[in-house]
Amino acid sequence: LKVDKSWSVFVKKGKYEIGTSPYPVTKHFPGKYPQASYRFLSKDELKSMTVYELKIMRNEIYARYHYIFNSGGEMDKYFKSQKWYTGQHKNIDQYLTELEKENITLIQQFENKK
């Protein structure tokens, strides 16, 4: 397992960490749409999804990093009902991977089309 943006203070700038995962990486990401955080999404899989499903998928990426949603809002209520979610950060941009950023952009494109 190669970690490009390690949270460790021991990794020098421009370097990466190598580690192992004791269980499949697919089980590491909670939620209904874990694939949005571990592989690039395809247009084909998104085109059949509803606007609500796309919204949940996109916001799940933020929720995995414990993003704090607008209090009382739709996403706040949804994610507070999930056992795995805890809101802790107002800004999680630094934690998002390039893969997740690309998936967010693609999901938003489909949300805007519908």
PDB file of N, CA and C in Angstrom:
ATOM      1  N   LEU A   1       0.854  -1.164   0.000  1.00  0.00           N
ATOM      2  CA  LEU A   1       0.000   0.000   0.000  1.00  0.00           C
ATOM      3  C   LEU A   1       0.901   1.229   0.000  1.00  0.00           C
ATOM      4  N   LYS A   2       0.789   2.063  -1.040  1.00  0.00           N
ATOM      5  CA  LYS A   2       1.595   3.281  -1.159  1.00  0.00           C
ATOM      6  C   LYS A   2       0.759   4.467  -0.694  1.00  0.00           C
ATOM      7  N   VAL A   3       1.267   5.229   0.256  1.00  0.00           N
ATOM      8  CA  VAL A   3       0.565   6.393   0.783  1.00  0.00           C
ATOM      9  C   VAL A   3       1.315   7.643   0.307  1.00  0.00           C
ATOM     10  N   ASP A   4       0.741   8.370  -0.678  1.00  0.00           N
ATOM     11  CA  ASP A   4       1.406   9.540  -1.230  1.00  0.00           C
ATOM     12  C   ASP A   4       1.357  10.742  -0.302  1.00  0.00           C
ATOM     13  N   LYS A   5       0.232  10.989   0.315  1.00  0.00           N
ATOM     14  CA  LYS A   5       0.079  12.157   1.192  1.00  0.00           C
ATOM     15  C   LYS A   5      -0.083  11.674   2.630  1.00  0.00           C
ATOM     16  N   SER A   6       0.997  11.216   3.179  1.00  0.00           N
ATOM     17  CA  SER A   6       0.991  10.657   4.520  1.00  0.00           C
ATOM     18  C   SER A   6       0.727  11.727   5.565  1.00  0.00           C
ATOM     19  N   TRP A   7       0.048  11.365   6.627  1.00  0.00           N
ATOM     20  CA  TRP A   7      -0.168  12.266   7.752  1.00  0.00           C
ATOM     21  C   TRP A   7       1.011  12.183   8.725  1.00  0.00           C
ATOM     22  N   SER A   8       1.915  11.259   8.467  1.00  0.00           N
ATOM     23  CA  SER A   8       3.062  11.062   9.346  1.00  0.00           C
ATOM     24  C   SER A   8       4.029  12.240   9.245  1.00  0.00           C
ATOM     25  N   VAL A   9       4.589  12.636  10.360  1.00  0.00           N
ATOM     26  CA  VAL A   9       5.559  13.730  10.377  1.00  0.00           C
ATOM     27  C   VAL A   9       6.952  13.252   9.979  1.00  0.00           C
ATOM     28  N   PHE A  10       7.131  11.951   9.803  1.00  0.00           N
ATOM     29  CA  PHE A  10       8.436  11.402   9.506  1.00  0.00           C
ATOM     30  C   PHE A  10       8.721  11.270   8.018  1.00  0.00           C
ATOM     31  N   VAL A  11       7.718  11.526   7.178  1.00  0.00           N
ATOM     32  CA  VAL A  11       7.897  11.389   5.743  1.00  0.00           C
ATOM     33  C   VAL A  11       8.347  12.725   5.167  1.00  0.00           C
ATOM     34  N   LYS A  12       9.477  12.722   4.451  1.00  0.00           N
ATOM     35  CA  LYS A  12      10.018  13.947   3.871  1.00  0.00           C
ATOM     36  C   LYS A  12       9.149  14.410   2.706  1.00  0.00           C
ATOM     37  N   LYS A  13       9.118  15.718   2.478  1.00  0.00           N
ATOM     38  CA  LYS A  13       8.329  16.309   1.400  1.00  0.00           C
ATOM     39  C   LYS A  13       8.721  15.680   0.060  1.00  0.00           C
ATOM     40  N   GLY A  14       7.723  15.299  -0.716  1.00  0.00           N
ATOM     41  CA  GLY A  14       7.958  14.686  -2.023  1.00  0.00           C
ATOM     42  C   GLY A  14       8.162  13.183  -1.957  1.00  0.00           C
ATOM     43  N   LYS A  15       8.162  12.610  -0.772  1.00  0.00           N
ATOM     44  CA  LYS A  15       8.334  11.160  -0.603  1.00  0.00           C
ATOM     45  C   LYS A  15       6.996  10.542  -0.218  1.00  0.00           C
ATOM     46  N   TYR A  16       6.957   9.251  -0.061  1.00  0.00           N
ATOM     47  CA  TYR A  16       5.737   8.562   0.316  1.00  0.00           C
ATOM     48  C   TYR A  16       6.031   7.437   1.292  1.00  0.00           C
ATOM     49  N   GLU A  17       4.988   6.946   1.878  1.00  0.00           N
ATOM     50  CA  GLU A  17       5.072   5.889   2.871  1.00  0.00           C
ATOM     51  C   GLU A  17       4.642   4.566   2.239  1.00  0.00           C
ATOM     52  N   ILE A  18       5.204   3.494   2.684  1.00  0.00           N
ATOM     53  CA  ILE A  18       4.801   2.154   2.255  1.00  0.00           C
ATOM     54  C   ILE A  18       4.280   1.432   3.488  1.00  0.00           C
ATOM     55  N   GLY A  19       3.166   0.746   3.331  1.00  0.00           N
ATOM     56  CA  GLY A  19       2.605   0.012   4.458  1.00  0.00           C
ATOM     57  C   GLY A  19       1.776  -1.153   3.965  1.00  0.00           C
ATOM     58  N   THR A  20       1.163  -1.831   4.890  1.00  0.00           N
ATOM     59  CA  THR A  20       0.291  -2.946   4.544  1.00  0.00           C
ATOM     60  C   THR A  20      -1.074  -2.717   5.164  1.00  0.00           C
ATOM     61  N   SER A  21      -2.040  -3.369   4.603  1.00  0.00           N
ATOM     62  CA  SER A  21      -3.399  -3.289   5.124  1.00  0.00           C
ATOM     63  C   SER A  21      -3.801  -4.689   5.576  1.00  0.00           C
ATOM     64  N   PRO A  22      -4.253  -4.841   6.820  1.00  0.00           N
ATOM     65  CA  PRO A  22      -4.590  -6.170   7.323  1.00  0.00           C
ATOM     66  C   PRO A  22      -5.926  -6.703   6.785  1.00  0.00           C
ATOM     67  N   TYR A  23      -6.626  -5.903   6.015  1.00  0.00           N
ATOM     68  CA  TYR A  23      -7.900  -6.305   5.438  1.00  0.00           C
ATOM     69  C   TYR A  23      -8.025  -5.611   4.085  1.00  0.00           C
ATOM     70  N   PRO A  24      -8.921  -6.068   3.238  1.00  0.00           N
ATOM     71  CA  PRO A  24      -9.040  -5.447   1.914  1.00  0.00           C
ATOM     72  C   PRO A  24      -9.322  -3.949   2.012  1.00  0.00           C
ATOM     73  N   VAL A  25      -8.670  -3.172   1.163  1.00  0.00           N
ATOM     74  CA  VAL A  25      -8.826  -1.720   1.184  1.00  0.00           C
ATOM     75  C   VAL A  25     -10.283  -1.319   0.957  1.00  0.00           C
ATOM     76  N   THR A  26     -11.034  -2.134   0.251  1.00  0.00           N
ATOM     77  CA  THR A  26     -12.440  -1.823  -0.015  1.00  0.00           C
ATOM     78  C   THR A  26     -13.272  -1.782   1.265  1.00  0.00           C
ATOM     79  N   LYS A  27     -12.834  -2.475   2.304  1.00  0.00           N
ATOM     80  CA  LYS A  27     -13.569  -2.494   3.571  1.00  0.00           C
ATOM     81  C   LYS A  27     -13.176  -1.325   4.481  1.00  0.00           C
ATOM     82  N   HIS A  28     -12.172  -0.579   4.083  1.00  0.00           N
ATOM     83  CA  HIS A  28     -11.689   0.543   4.884  1.00  0.00           C
ATOM     84  C   HIS A  28     -12.602   1.766   4.782  1.00  0.00           C
ATOM     85  N   PHE A  29     -13.347   1.875   3.685  1.00  0.00           N
ATOM     86  CA  PHE A  29     -14.162   3.054   3.427  1.00  0.00           C
ATOM     87  C   PHE A  29     -15.621   2.789   3.768  1.00  0.00           C
ATOM     88  N   PRO A  30     -16.137   3.444   4.802  1.00  0.00           N
ATOM     89  CA  PRO A  30     -17.530   3.231   5.185  1.00  0.00           C
ATOM     90  C   PRO A  30     -18.492   3.926   4.228  1.00  0.00           C
ATOM     91  N   GLY A  31     -19.754   3.529   4.299  1.00  0.00           N
ATOM     92  CA  GLY A  31     -20.799   4.169   3.517  1.00  0.00           C
ATOM     93  C   GLY A  31     -21.354   3.266   2.425  1.00  0.00           C
ATOM     94  N   LYS A  32     -22.344   3.790   1.716  1.00  0.00           N
ATOM     95  CA  LYS A  32     -23.002   3.043   0.649  1.00  0.00           C
ATOM     96  C   LYS A  32     -22.176   3.015  -0.631  1.00  0.00           C
ATOM     97  N   TYR A  33     -21.306   4.012  -0.800  1.00  0.00           N
ATOM     98  CA  TYR A  33     -20.556   4.162  -2.051  1.00  0.00           C
ATOM     99  C   TYR A  33     -19.045   4.270  -1.786  1.00  0.00           C
ATOM    100  N   PRO A  34     -18.450   3.249  -1.197  1.00  0.00           N
ATOM    101  CA  PRO A  34     -17.021   3.323  -0.860  1.00  0.00           C
ATOM    102  C   PRO A  34     -16.126   3.456  -2.084  1.00  0.00           C
ATOM    103  N   GLN A  35     -16.586   2.959  -3.230  1.00  0.00           N
ATOM    104  CA  GLN A  35     -15.782   2.986  -4.445  1.00  0.00           C
ATOM    105  C   GLN A  35     -15.360   4.405  -4.842  1.00  0.00           C
ATOM    106  N   ALA A  36     -16.099   5.410  -4.418  1.00  0.00           N
ATOM    107  CA  ALA A  36     -15.774   6.791  -4.760  1.00  0.00           C
ATOM    108  C   ALA A  36     -14.466   7.256  -4.116  1.00  0.00           C
ATOM    109  N   SER A  37     -13.961   6.510  -3.150  1.00  0.00           N
ATOM    110  CA  SER A  37     -12.711   6.872  -2.489  1.00  0.00           C
ATOM    111  C   SER A  37     -11.549   5.940  -2.832  1.00  0.00           C
ATOM    112  N   TYR A  38     -11.796   4.840  -3.541  1.00  0.00           N
ATOM    113  CA  TYR A  38     -10.667   3.952  -3.834  1.00  0.00           C
ATOM    114  C   TYR A  38     -10.467   3.604  -5.302  1.00  0.00           C
ATOM    115  N   ARG A  39     -11.358   4.070  -6.190  1.00  0.00           N
ATOM    116  CA  ARG A  39     -11.135   3.855  -7.626  1.00  0.00           C
ATOM    117  C   ARG A  39     -11.840   4.955  -8.414  1.00  0.00           C
ATOM    118  N   PHE A  40     -11.392   5.149  -9.638  1.00  0.00           N
ATOM    119  CA  PHE A  40     -12.031   6.148 -10.486  1.00  0.00           C
ATOM    120  C   PHE A  40     -13.407   5.648 -10.899  1.00  0.00           C
ATOM    121  N   LEU A  41     -14.382   6.525 -10.798  1.00  0.00           N
ATOM    122  CA  LEU A  41     -15.748   6.182 -11.188  1.00  0.00           C
ATOM    123  C   LEU A  41     -15.897   6.306 -12.700  1.00  0.00           C
ATOM    124  N   SER A  42     -16.843   5.556 -13.262  1.00  0.00           N
ATOM    125  CA  SER A  42     -17.092   5.641 -14.697  1.00  0.00           C
ATOM    126  C   SER A  42     -18.401   6.379 -14.953  1.00  0.00           C
ATOM    127  N   LYS A  43     -18.486   6.995 -16.107  1.00  0.00           N
ATOM    128  CA  LYS A  43     -19.710   7.691 -16.495  1.00  0.00           C
ATOM    129  C   LYS A  43     -20.877   6.718 -16.569  1.00  0.00           C
ATOM    130  N   ASP A  44     -20.600   5.499 -17.037  1.00  0.00           N
ATOM    131  CA  ASP A  44     -21.669   4.499 -17.163  1.00  0.00           C
ATOM    132  C   ASP A  44     -22.326   4.179 -15.831  1.00  0.00           C
ATOM    133  N   GLU A  45     -21.547   4.071 -14.775  1.00  0.00           N
ATOM    134  CA  GLU A  45     -22.139   3.732 -13.477  1.00  0.00           C
ATOM    135  C   GLU A  45     -22.896   4.899 -12.869  1.00  0.00           C
ATOM    136  N   LEU A  46     -22.537   6.119 -13.229  1.00  0.00           N
ATOM    137  CA  LEU A  46     -23.192   7.294 -12.661  1.00  0.00           C
ATOM    138  C   LEU A  46     -24.474   7.673 -13.399  1.00  0.00           C
ATOM    139  N   LYS A  47     -24.557   7.349 -14.681  1.00  0.00           N
ATOM    140  CA  LYS A  47     -25.702   7.820 -15.469  1.00  0.00           C
ATOM    141  C   LYS A  47     -27.035   7.232 -15.019  1.00  0.00           C
ATOM    142  N   SER A  48     -27.020   6.075 -14.380  1.00  0.00           N
ATOM    143  CA  SER A  48     -28.272   5.462 -13.933  1.00  0.00           C
ATOM    144  C   SER A  48     -28.664   5.860 -12.506  1.00  0.00           C
ATOM    145  N   MET A  49     -27.826   6.646 -11.857  1.00  0.00           N
ATOM    146  CA  MET A  49     -28.090   7.032 -10.469  1.00  0.00           C
ATOM    147  C   MET A  49     -28.995   8.260 -10.414  1.00  0.00           C
ATOM    148  N   THR A  50     -29.788   8.353  -9.345  1.00  0.00           N
ATOM    149  CA  THR A  50     -30.648   9.518  -9.140  1.00  0.00           C
ATOM    150  C   THR A  50     -29.809  10.685  -8.619  1.00  0.00           C
ATOM    151  N   VAL A  51     -30.364  11.880  -8.671  1.00  0.00           N
ATOM    152  CA  VAL A  51     -29.678  13.061  -8.140  1.00  0.00           C
ATOM    153  C   VAL A  51     -29.383  12.870  -6.653  1.00  0.00           C
ATOM    154  N   TYR A  52     -30.321  12.298  -5.930  1.00  0.00           N
ATOM    155  CA  TYR A  52     -30.124  12.071  -4.491  1.00  0.00           C
ATOM    156  C   TYR A  52     -28.980  11.076  -4.254  1.00  0.00           C
ATOM    157  N   GLU A  53     -28.938   9.993  -5.004  1.00  0.00           N
ATOM    158  CA  GLU A  53     -27.858   9.008  -4.852  1.00  0.00           C
ATOM    159  C   GLU A  53     -26.500   9.650  -5.156  1.00  0.00           C
ATOM    160  N   LEU A  54     -26.444  10.462  -6.199  1.00  0.00           N
ATOM    161  CA  LEU A  54     -25.209  11.154  -6.550  1.00  0.00           C
ATOM    162  C   LEU A  54     -24.781  12.094  -5.427  1.00  0.00           C
ATOM    163  N   LYS A  55     -25.741  12.785  -4.860  1.00  0.00           N
ATOM    164  CA  LYS A  55     -25.461  13.729  -3.762  1.00  0.00           C
ATOM    165  C   LYS A  55     -24.896  12.994  -2.547  1.00  0.00           C
ATOM    166  N   ILE A  56     -25.485  11.855  -2.220  1.00  0.00           N
ATOM    167  CA  ILE A  56     -24.986  11.051  -1.099  1.00  0.00           C
ATOM    168  C   ILE A  56     -23.582  10.545  -1.405  1.00  0.00           C
ATOM    169  N   MET A  57     -23.386  10.032  -2.613  1.00  0.00           N
ATOM    170  CA  MET A  57     -22.071   9.511  -2.995  1.00  0.00           C
ATOM    171  C   MET A  57     -20.999  10.589  -2.869  1.00  0.00           C
ATOM    172  N   ARG A  58     -21.277  11.772  -3.394  1.00  0.00           N
ATOM    173  CA  ARG A  58     -20.310  12.873  -3.344  1.00  0.00           C
ATOM    174  C   ARG A  58     -20.036  13.305  -1.902  1.00  0.00           C
ATOM    175  N   ASN A  59     -21.072  13.470  -1.131  1.00  0.00           N
ATOM    176  CA  ASN A  59     -20.895  13.937   0.249  1.00  0.00           C
ATOM    177  C   ASN A  59     -20.325  12.866   1.168  1.00  0.00           C
ATOM    178  N   GLU A  60     -20.471  11.611   0.803  1.00  0.00           N
ATOM    179  CA  GLU A  60     -19.829  10.541   1.574  1.00  0.00           C
ATOM    180  C   GLU A  60     -18.315  10.690   1.567  1.00  0.00           C
ATOM    181  N   ILE A  61     -17.782  11.156   0.455  1.00  0.00           N
ATOM    182  CA  ILE A  61     -16.331  11.375   0.388  1.00  0.00           C
ATOM    183  C   ILE A  61     -15.925  12.357   1.476  1.00  0.00           C
ATOM    184  N   TYR A  62     -16.665  13.462   1.597  1.00  0.00           N
ATOM    185  CA  TYR A  62     -16.367  14.456   2.638  1.00  0.00           C
ATOM    186  C   TYR A  62     -16.599  13.869   4.035  1.00  0.00           C
ATOM    187  N   ALA A  63     -17.670  13.134   4.187  1.00  0.00           N
ATOM    188  CA  ALA A  63     -18.032  12.569   5.493  1.00  0.00           C
ATOM    189  C   ALA A  63     -16.970  11.600   6.007  1.00  0.00           C
ATOM    190  N   ARG A  64     -16.312  10.884   5.099  1.00  0.00           N
ATOM    191  CA  ARG A  64     -15.260   9.945   5.521  1.00  0.00           C
ATOM    192  C   ARG A  64     -14.110  10.663   6.215  1.00  0.00           C
ATOM    193  N   TYR A  65     -13.945  11.944   5.901  1.00  0.00           N
ATOM    194  CA  TYR A  65     -12.913  12.754   6.556  1.00  0.00           C
ATOM    195  C   TYR A  65     -13.502  13.581   7.688  1.00  0.00           C
ATOM    196  N   HIS A  66     -14.719  13.241   8.085  1.00  0.00           N
ATOM    197  CA  HIS A  66     -15.390  13.852   9.244  1.00  0.00           C
ATOM    198  C   HIS A  66     -15.710  15.336   9.032  1.00  0.00           C
ATOM    199  N   TYR A  67     -16.089  15.662   7.794  1.00  0.00           N
ATOM    200  CA  TYR A  67     -16.496  17.022   7.464  1.00  0.00           C
ATOM    201  C   TYR A  67     -17.751  17.395   8.252  1.00  0.00           C
ATOM    202  N   ILE A  68     -17.823  18.619   8.729  1.00  0.00           N
ATOM    203  CA  ILE A  68     -18.997  19.106   9.453  1.00  0.00           C
ATOM    204  C   ILE A  68     -19.939  19.748   8.435  1.00  0.00           C
ATOM    205  N   PHE A  69     -21.092  19.160   8.238  1.00  0.00           N
ATOM    206  CA  PHE A  69     -22.093  19.677   7.308  1.00  0.00           C
ATOM    207  C   PHE A  69     -22.894  20.787   7.985  1.00  0.00           C
ATOM    208  N   ASN A  70     -23.612  21.571   7.169  1.00  0.00           N
ATOM    209  CA  ASN A  70     -24.446  22.650   7.708  1.00  0.00           C
ATOM    210  C   ASN A  70     -25.449  22.079   8.708  1.00  0.00           C
ATOM    211  N   SER A  71     -25.434  22.613   9.900  1.00  0.00           N
ATOM    212  CA  SER A  71     -26.289  22.130  10.980  1.00  0.00           C
ATOM    213  C   SER A  71     -27.766  22.145  10.578  1.00  0.00           C
ATOM    214  N   GLY A  72     -28.412  21.002  10.745  1.00  0.00           N
ATOM    215  CA  GLY A  72     -29.830  20.870  10.439  1.00  0.00           C
ATOM    216  C   GLY A  72     -30.144  20.648   8.973  1.00  0.00           C
ATOM    217  N   GLY A  73     -29.117  20.699   8.113  1.00  0.00           N
ATOM    218  CA  GLY A  73     -29.308  20.498   6.678  1.00  0.00           C
ATOM    219  C   GLY A  73     -29.516  19.033   6.332  1.00  0.00           C
ATOM    220  N   GLU A  74     -29.875  18.800   5.081  1.00  0.00           N
ATOM    221  CA  GLU A  74     -30.169  17.450   4.606  1.00  0.00           C
ATOM    222  C   GLU A  74     -28.989  16.491   4.818  1.00  0.00           C
ATOM    223  N   MET A  75     -27.783  16.932   4.460  1.00  0.00           N
ATOM    224  CA  MET A  75     -26.617  16.057   4.606  1.00  0.00           C
ATOM    225  C   MET A  75     -26.224  15.883   6.060  1.00  0.00           C
ATOM    226  N   ASP A  76     -26.385  16.924   6.858  1.00  0.00           N
ATOM    227  CA  ASP A  76     -26.116  16.830   8.292  1.00  0.00           C
ATOM    228  C   ASP A  76     -27.010  15.755   8.917  1.00  0.00           C
ATOM    229  N   LYS A  77     -28.286  15.818   8.605  1.00  0.00           N
ATOM    230  CA  LYS A  77     -29.236  14.838   9.154  1.00  0.00           C
ATOM    231  C   LYS A  77     -28.923  13.433   8.657  1.00  0.00           C
ATOM    232  N   TYR A  78     -28.636  13.320   7.357  1.00  0.00           N
ATOM    233  CA  TYR A  78     -28.352  11.991   6.787  1.00  0.00           C
ATOM    234  C   TYR A  78     -27.120  11.374   7.449  1.00  0.00           C
ATOM    235  N   PHE A  79     -26.016  12.123   7.482  1.00  0.00           N
ATOM    236  CA  PHE A  79     -24.776  11.530   7.986  1.00  0.00           C
ATOM    237  C   PHE A  79     -24.784  11.342   9.496  1.00  0.00           C
ATOM    238  N   LYS A  80     -25.497  12.172  10.225  1.00  0.00           N
ATOM    239  CA  LYS A  80     -25.605  11.937  11.672  1.00  0.00           C
ATOM    240  C   LYS A  80     -26.359  10.646  11.971  1.00  0.00           C
ATOM    241  N   SER A  81     -27.130  10.161  11.008  1.00  0.00           N
ATOM    242  CA  SER A  81     -27.838   8.892  11.191  1.00  0.00           C
ATOM    243  C   SER A  81     -26.956   7.680  10.860  1.00  0.00           C
ATOM    244  N   GLN A  82     -25.761   7.926  10.355  1.00  0.00           N
ATOM    245  CA  GLN A  82     -24.833   6.844  10.021  1.00  0.00           C
ATOM    246  C   GLN A  82     -23.933   6.553  11.222  1.00  0.00           C
ATOM    247  N   LYS A  83     -23.830   5.304  11.605  1.00  0.00           N
ATOM    248  CA  LYS A  83     -23.051   4.934  12.800  1.00  0.00           C
ATOM    249  C   LYS A  83     -21.571   5.301  12.690  1.00  0.00           C
ATOM    250  N   TRP A  84     -21.042   5.317  11.487  1.00  0.00           N
ATOM    251  CA  TRP A  84     -19.612   5.524  11.285  1.00  0.00           C
ATOM    252  C   TRP A  84     -19.211   7.001  11.241  1.00  0.00           C
ATOM    253  N   TYR A  85     -20.161   7.906  11.122  1.00  0.00           N
ATOM    254  CA  TYR A  85     -19.850   9.321  10.908  1.00  0.00           C
ATOM    255  C   TYR A  85     -19.743  10.119  12.205  1.00  0.00           C
ATOM    256  N   THR A  86     -18.727  10.965  12.265  1.00  0.00           N
ATOM    257  CA  THR A  86     -18.602  11.969  13.323  1.00  0.00           C
ATOM    258  C   THR A  86     -18.073  13.242  12.691  1.00  0.00           C
ATOM    259  N   GLY A  87     -18.785  14.335  12.825  1.00  0.00           N
ATOM    260  CA  GLY A  87     -18.336  15.611  12.280  1.00  0.00           C
ATOM    261  C   GLY A  87     -17.262  16.220  13.161  1.00  0.00           C
ATOM    262  N   GLN A  88     -16.101  16.510  12.562  1.00  0.00           N
ATOM    263  CA  GLN A  88     -14.990  17.058  13.343  1.00  0.00           C
ATOM    264  C   GLN A  88     -14.280  18.235  12.671  1.00  0.00           C
ATOM    265  N   HIS A  89     -14.369  18.358  11.336  1.00  0.00           N
ATOM    266  CA  HIS A  89     -13.582  19.350  10.607  1.00  0.00           C
ATOM    267  C   HIS A  89     -14.451  20.223   9.711  1.00  0.00           C
ATOM    268  N   LYS A  90     -14.183  21.519   9.717  1.00  0.00           N
ATOM    269  CA  LYS A  90     -14.895  22.444   8.830  1.00  0.00           C
ATOM    270  C   LYS A  90     -14.279  22.456   7.432  1.00  0.00           C
ATOM    271  N   ASN A  91     -13.013  22.089   7.327  1.00  0.00           N
ATOM    272  CA  ASN A  91     -12.335  22.054   6.037  1.00  0.00           C
ATOM    273  C   ASN A  91     -11.510  20.776   5.947  1.00  0.00           C
ATOM    274  N   ILE A  92     -11.808  19.957   4.950  1.00  0.00           N
ATOM    275  CA  ILE A  92     -11.080  18.690   4.783  1.00  0.00           C
ATOM    276  C   ILE A  92     -10.332  18.650   3.456  1.00  0.00           C
ATOM    277  N   ASP A  93     -10.228  19.786   2.784  1.00  0.00           N
ATOM    278  CA  ASP A  93      -9.588  19.836   1.459  1.00  0.00           C
ATOM    279  C   ASP A  93      -8.197  19.206   1.453  1.00  0.00           C
ATOM    280  N   GLN A  94      -7.437  19.416   2.506  1.00  0.00           N
ATOM    281  CA  GLN A  94      -6.066  18.895   2.564  1.00  0.00           C
ATOM    282  C   GLN A  94      -6.015  17.362   2.614  1.00  0.00           C
ATOM    283  N   TYR A  95      -7.102  16.732   2.990  1.00  0.00           N
ATOM    284  CA  TYR A  95      -7.122  15.281   3.113  1.00  0.00           C
ATOM    285  C   TYR A  95      -7.569  14.568   1.840  1.00  0.00           C
ATOM    286  N   LEU A  96      -8.272  15.280   0.971  1.00  0.00           N
ATOM    287  CA  LEU A  96      -8.796  14.650  -0.244  1.00  0.00           C
ATOM    288  C   LEU A  96      -7.668  14.198  -1.165  1.00  0.00           C
ATOM    289  N   THR A  97      -7.810  12.998  -1.699  1.00  0.00           N
ATOM    290  CA  THR A  97      -6.831  12.503  -2.655  1.00  0.00           C
ATOM    291  C   THR A  97      -7.176  13.028  -4.045  1.00  0.00           C
ATOM    292  N   GLU A  98      -6.237  12.945  -4.965  1.00  0.00           N
ATOM    293  CA  GLU A  98      -6.492  13.376  -6.344  1.00  0.00           C
ATOM    294  C   GLU A  98      -7.619  12.543  -6.959  1.00  0.00           C
ATOM    295  N   LEU A  99      -7.647  11.262  -6.657  1.00  0.00           N
ATOM    296  CA  LEU A  99      -8.709  10.379  -7.140  1.00  0.00           C
ATOM    297  C   LEU A  99     -10.063  10.869  -6.647  1.00  0.00           C
ATOM    298  N   GLU A 100     -10.170  11.188  -5.378  1.00  0.00           N
ATOM    299  CA  GLU A 100     -11.435  11.668  -4.815  1.00  0.00           C
ATOM    300  C   GLU A 100     -11.851  13.003  -5.435  1.00  0.00           C
ATOM    301  N   LYS A 101     -10.889  13.890  -5.654  1.00  0.00           N
ATOM    302  CA  LYS A 101     -11.198  15.178  -6.282  1.00  0.00           C
ATOM    303  C   LYS A 101     -11.762  14.974  -7.689  1.00  0.00           C
ATOM    304  N   GLU A 102     -11.162  14.073  -8.439  1.00  0.00           N
ATOM    305  CA  GLU A 102     -11.654  13.791  -9.794  1.00  0.00           C
ATOM    306  C   GLU A 102     -13.048  13.182  -9.744  1.00  0.00           C
ATOM    307  N   ASN A 103     -13.273  12.286  -8.797  1.00  0.00           N
ATOM    308  CA  ASN A 103     -14.601  11.677  -8.665  1.00  0.00           C
ATOM    309  C   ASN A 103     -15.646  12.712  -8.257  1.00  0.00           C
ATOM    310  N   ILE A 104     -15.293  13.627  -7.381  1.00  0.00           N
ATOM    311  CA  ILE A 104     -16.219  14.685  -6.967  1.00  0.00           C
ATOM    312  C   ILE A 104     -16.623  15.522  -8.174  1.00  0.00           C
ATOM    313  N   THR A 105     -15.649  15.884  -8.990  1.00  0.00           N
ATOM    314  CA  THR A 105     -15.930  16.680 -10.192  1.00  0.00           C
ATOM    315  C   THR A 105     -16.858  15.933 -11.142  1.00  0.00           C
ATOM    316  N   LEU A 106     -16.589  14.653 -11.364  1.00  0.00           N
ATOM    317  CA  LEU A 106     -17.426  13.847 -12.259  1.00  0.00           C
ATOM    318  C   LEU A 106     -18.847  13.712 -11.707  1.00  0.00           C
ATOM    319  N   ILE A 107     -18.966  13.446 -10.431  1.00  0.00           N
ATOM    320  CA  ILE A 107     -20.292  13.319  -9.800  1.00  0.00           C
ATOM    321  C   ILE A 107     -21.065  14.634  -9.944  1.00  0.00           C
ATOM    322  N   GLN A 108     -20.399  15.755  -9.706  1.00  0.00           N
ATOM    323  CA  GLN A 108     -21.050  17.066  -9.826  1.00  0.00           C
ATOM    324  C   GLN A 108     -21.545  17.304 -11.248  1.00  0.00           C
ATOM    325  N   GLN A 109     -20.796  16.861 -12.233  1.00  0.00           N
ATOM    326  CA  GLN A 109     -21.226  17.007 -13.622  1.00  0.00           C
ATOM    327  C   GLN A 109     -22.550  16.273 -13.852  1.00  0.00           C
ATOM    328  N   PHE A 110     -22.664  15.097 -13.296  1.00  0.00           N
ATOM    329  CA  PHE A 110     -23.913  14.320 -13.457  1.00  0.00           C
ATOM    330  C   PHE A 110     -25.050  14.916 -12.645  1.00  0.00           C
ATOM    331  N   GLU A 111     -24.734  15.432 -11.478  1.00  0.00           N
ATOM    332  CA  GLU A 111     -25.765  16.103 -10.671  1.00  0.00           C
ATOM    333  C   GLU A 111     -26.328  17.304 -11.430  1.00  0.00           C
ATOM    334  N   ASN A 112     -25.459  18.061 -12.077  1.00  0.00           N
ATOM    335  CA  ASN A 112     -25.881  19.263 -12.796  1.00  0.00           C
ATOM    336  C   ASN A 112     -26.682  18.940 -14.058  1.00  0.00           C
ATOM    337  N   LYS A 113     -26.456  17.758 -14.637  1.00  0.00           N
ATOM    338  CA  LYS A 113     -27.174  17.352 -15.851  1.00  0.00           C
ATOM    339  C   LYS A 113     -28.606  16.939 -15.551  1.00  0.00           C
ATOM    340  N   LYS A 114     -28.853  16.480 -14.329  1.00  0.00           N
ATOM    341  CA  LYS A 114     -30.163  15.907 -14.009  1.00  0.00           C
ATOM    342  C   LYS A 114     -31.127  16.906 -13.452  1.00  0.00           C
TER     343      LYS A 114
END
